[in-house]
N, C-alpha and C. Protein backbone atom coordinates (compact mmCIF):
# COMPACT_ATOMS: atom_id res chain seq x y z
N MET A 1 134.67 122.13 186.65
CA MET A 1 133.44 122.34 187.59
C MET A 1 134.55 122.29 189.01
N ASP A 2 134.09 123.56 189.65
CA ASP A 2 134.86 123.88 190.94
C ASP A 2 134.37 122.86 191.85
N PRO A 3 135.01 122.08 192.85
CA PRO A 3 134.76 120.76 193.71
C PRO A 3 134.27 121.28 194.76
N ALA A 4 134.43 122.70 195.18
CA ALA A 4 133.55 123.17 196.58
C ALA A 4 132.04 123.10 196.07
N HIS A 5 131.64 123.14 194.96
CA HIS A 5 130.15 123.48 194.53
C HIS A 5 129.70 121.94 194.94
N LYS A 6 130.66 120.83 195.15
CA LYS A 6 129.89 119.42 194.67
C LYS A 6 128.91 118.86 196.18
N PRO A 7 129.22 119.55 197.30
CA PRO A 7 127.71 119.41 197.90
C PRO A 7 126.99 120.16 197.68
N GLU A 8 126.73 121.16 197.20
CA GLU A 8 125.55 121.65 197.05
C GLU A 8 125.07 120.63 195.80
N LEU A 9 125.26 120.54 195.02
CA LEU A 9 125.04 119.62 193.67
C LEU A 9 124.46 118.42 194.34
N VAL A 10 125.15 117.69 195.80
CA VAL A 10 124.83 116.60 196.06
C VAL A 10 123.29 116.73 196.83
N ASN A 11 123.34 117.99 197.38
CA ASN A 11 122.21 118.09 198.32
C ASN A 11 120.93 118.35 197.26
N VAL A 12 121.22 118.72 196.04
CA VAL A 12 120.06 118.78 195.06
C VAL A 12 119.41 117.52 194.88
N LEU A 13 120.65 116.49 194.23
CA LEU A 13 120.33 115.64 193.96
C LEU A 13 119.69 114.44 195.55
N ARG A 14 119.93 114.79 196.25
CA ARG A 14 119.38 114.15 197.70
C ARG A 14 117.74 114.87 197.78
N THR A 15 117.71 115.73 197.34
CA THR A 15 116.16 116.46 197.39
C THR A 15 115.18 115.85 196.08
N LEU A 16 115.79 115.27 195.02
CA LEU A 16 115.18 114.75 194.16
C LEU A 16 114.75 113.61 194.17
N LEU A 17 116.22 112.85 194.78
CA LEU A 17 115.69 111.55 195.22
C LEU A 17 114.27 111.53 196.33
N THR A 18 114.48 112.68 197.35
CA THR A 18 113.44 112.47 198.40
C THR A 18 112.18 112.54 197.43
N ASP A 19 112.04 113.33 196.45
CA ASP A 19 110.90 113.85 196.03
C ASP A 19 110.17 112.23 195.21
N VAL A 20 111.14 111.75 194.76
CA VAL A 20 111.06 110.06 193.56
C VAL A 20 110.56 109.25 194.58
N PHE A 21 111.07 108.93 196.10
CA PHE A 21 110.59 107.79 197.00
C PHE A 21 109.40 108.48 197.83
N THR A 22 109.21 109.90 198.04
CA THR A 22 108.14 110.37 198.60
C THR A 22 106.84 110.16 197.55
N ALA A 23 107.25 109.94 196.44
CA ALA A 23 106.08 110.33 195.37
C ALA A 23 105.49 108.48 195.40
N GLN A 24 106.52 107.87 195.39
CA GLN A 24 106.44 106.34 195.29
C GLN A 24 105.64 105.60 196.26
N TYR A 25 106.04 106.24 197.89
CA TYR A 25 105.95 105.60 199.11
C TYR A 25 103.97 106.09 198.71
N GLU A 26 103.61 107.40 198.48
CA GLU A 26 102.77 107.84 198.44
C GLU A 26 101.55 107.14 197.55
N GLY A 27 101.81 106.56 196.76
CA GLY A 27 100.81 106.07 195.71
C GLY A 27 100.83 107.50 194.38
N ALA A 28 101.62 108.11 193.98
CA ALA A 28 101.68 108.82 193.02
C ALA A 28 101.28 108.24 191.82
N THR A 29 100.72 109.00 191.18
CA THR A 29 100.02 108.50 189.52
C THR A 29 101.03 108.44 188.72
N HIS A 30 100.91 107.65 187.67
CA HIS A 30 102.66 107.36 186.83
C HIS A 30 103.25 108.59 186.25
N GLN A 31 102.41 109.25 185.84
CA GLN A 31 103.05 110.49 185.64
C GLN A 31 103.68 111.52 186.32
N LYS A 32 103.10 111.55 187.72
CA LYS A 32 104.45 112.16 188.84
C LYS A 32 104.95 111.59 189.06
N LEU A 33 104.92 110.21 189.14
CA LEU A 33 106.37 109.11 189.39
C LEU A 33 107.67 109.60 188.24
N ALA A 34 107.11 109.17 186.68
CA ALA A 34 107.75 109.35 185.75
C ALA A 34 107.93 110.69 185.53
N ARG A 35 107.85 111.89 185.90
CA ARG A 35 108.40 112.97 186.13
C ARG A 35 109.29 113.36 186.90
N ALA A 36 109.26 112.40 188.35
CA ALA A 36 110.13 112.55 189.44
C ALA A 36 111.43 112.12 189.08
N PHE A 37 111.11 110.41 188.64
CA PHE A 37 112.04 109.70 188.37
C PHE A 37 112.98 110.48 187.17
N GLY A 38 112.33 111.18 185.81
CA GLY A 38 113.17 111.83 185.01
C GLY A 38 114.09 112.93 185.79
N TYR A 39 112.96 113.60 186.35
CA TYR A 39 114.39 114.69 186.69
C TYR A 39 115.40 114.04 187.46
N ALA A 40 115.10 113.08 188.55
CA ALA A 40 116.73 112.42 189.12
C ALA A 40 117.57 111.58 188.11
N ASP A 41 116.81 111.19 187.44
CA ASP A 41 117.99 111.11 186.28
C ASP A 41 118.46 111.35 185.68
N GLY A 42 117.79 112.20 184.87
CA GLY A 42 118.63 113.71 184.48
C GLY A 42 120.14 114.13 184.73
N TYR A 43 119.68 114.34 186.52
CA TYR A 43 120.52 115.16 187.31
C TYR A 43 121.74 114.11 187.31
N MET A 44 121.63 112.79 187.52
CA MET A 44 122.40 112.15 188.22
C MET A 44 123.35 111.91 186.40
N ARG A 45 122.52 111.71 185.37
CA ARG A 45 123.33 111.92 184.34
C ARG A 45 124.27 112.88 184.02
N ALA A 46 124.18 114.28 184.68
CA ALA A 46 124.70 115.50 184.18
C ALA A 46 125.66 115.13 185.01
N LEU A 47 125.35 114.78 186.31
CA LEU A 47 126.55 115.08 187.26
C LEU A 47 128.13 113.91 186.71
N LEU A 48 126.97 112.47 186.02
CA LEU A 48 128.27 112.06 186.04
C LEU A 48 129.23 112.58 184.39
N GLU A 49 128.37 112.87 183.62
CA GLU A 49 129.10 113.62 182.70
C GLU A 49 129.89 114.76 182.77
N ALA A 50 129.68 115.54 183.91
CA ALA A 50 130.70 116.60 184.03
C ALA A 50 131.90 116.22 184.96
N GLY A 51 131.48 115.01 185.70
CA GLY A 51 132.78 114.44 186.14
C GLY A 51 132.39 114.57 187.36
N VAL A 52 131.37 115.15 187.83
CA VAL A 52 131.16 115.53 189.75
C VAL A 52 131.45 114.49 189.65
N ALA A 53 130.54 113.07 189.48
CA ALA A 53 130.29 112.18 190.56
C ALA A 53 130.95 110.67 189.57
N HIS A 54 130.92 109.78 190.21
CA HIS A 54 131.36 108.41 189.71
C HIS A 54 129.88 107.72 189.87
N LYS A 55 129.61 106.58 189.53
CA LYS A 55 128.47 106.12 188.98
C LYS A 55 128.50 105.17 190.69
N GLU A 56 129.50 105.14 190.56
CA GLU A 56 129.53 103.71 192.36
C GLU A 56 129.27 105.14 193.65
N GLU A 57 129.72 106.46 193.50
CA GLU A 57 129.09 107.46 194.45
C GLU A 57 127.42 107.58 194.52
N LEU A 58 126.79 107.75 193.49
CA LEU A 58 125.62 107.88 192.95
C LEU A 58 124.91 106.93 193.60
N ILE A 59 125.22 105.65 192.73
CA ILE A 59 124.22 104.57 193.50
C ILE A 59 124.41 104.27 195.40
N GLY A 60 125.77 104.62 195.59
CA GLY A 60 125.26 105.12 197.44
C GLY A 60 124.33 106.26 198.18
N ILE A 61 124.31 106.79 197.08
CA ILE A 61 123.34 108.36 197.43
C ILE A 61 122.23 107.79 197.66
N VAL A 62 121.80 107.02 196.26
CA VAL A 62 120.40 106.48 195.91
C VAL A 62 119.97 105.78 196.96
N ILE A 63 121.12 104.79 197.47
CA ILE A 63 121.07 103.64 198.68
C ILE A 63 120.61 104.45 199.71
N GLU A 64 120.94 105.34 200.27
CA GLU A 64 120.97 106.22 201.37
C GLU A 64 119.67 106.70 201.33
N GLU A 65 119.22 107.37 200.18
CA GLU A 65 118.18 108.11 200.53
C GLU A 65 116.76 107.06 200.21
N ARG A 66 117.07 106.12 199.69
CA ARG A 66 116.04 104.88 199.88
C ARG A 66 115.74 104.64 201.27
N ARG A 67 117.00 104.46 201.48
CA ARG A 67 117.11 103.39 203.45
C ARG A 67 116.08 104.56 204.02
N ARG A 68 116.70 106.29 203.64
CA ARG A 68 116.42 107.34 205.15
C ARG A 68 114.78 106.71 204.94
N LYS A 69 114.15 107.10 203.57
CA LYS A 69 112.83 106.98 203.13
C LYS A 69 111.76 105.80 203.97
N PHE A 70 112.78 104.98 203.53
CA PHE A 70 111.88 103.33 204.12
C PHE A 70 112.05 103.70 205.96
N ASP A 71 113.44 104.46 206.19
CA ASP A 71 112.99 104.13 207.77
C ASP A 71 111.91 105.13 208.40
N GLU A 72 111.80 106.31 207.59
CA GLU A 72 110.73 107.10 207.51
C GLU A 72 109.11 106.85 207.99
N ALA A 73 109.17 105.74 206.77
CA ALA A 73 107.73 105.30 206.63
C ALA A 73 107.47 104.12 207.64
N ALA A 74 108.73 103.51 208.15
CA ALA A 74 108.80 102.41 208.67
C ALA A 74 107.89 102.71 210.17
């Protein structure tokens, strides 16, 4: 994997997480939430397996995006 593509891949993850947290805070149906979580979870797994990111890094990204969404909602 070309390291130059990592910022693009992380931005895709941030978009997926934004979708998850938006659906969650808007009270989306279980089906919509499950799909959003599934996409984000699968993408994170692919990043781990490809060696693009480490677990701790992904956890940090999730925390950042959750905080950002929580701050927006407040």
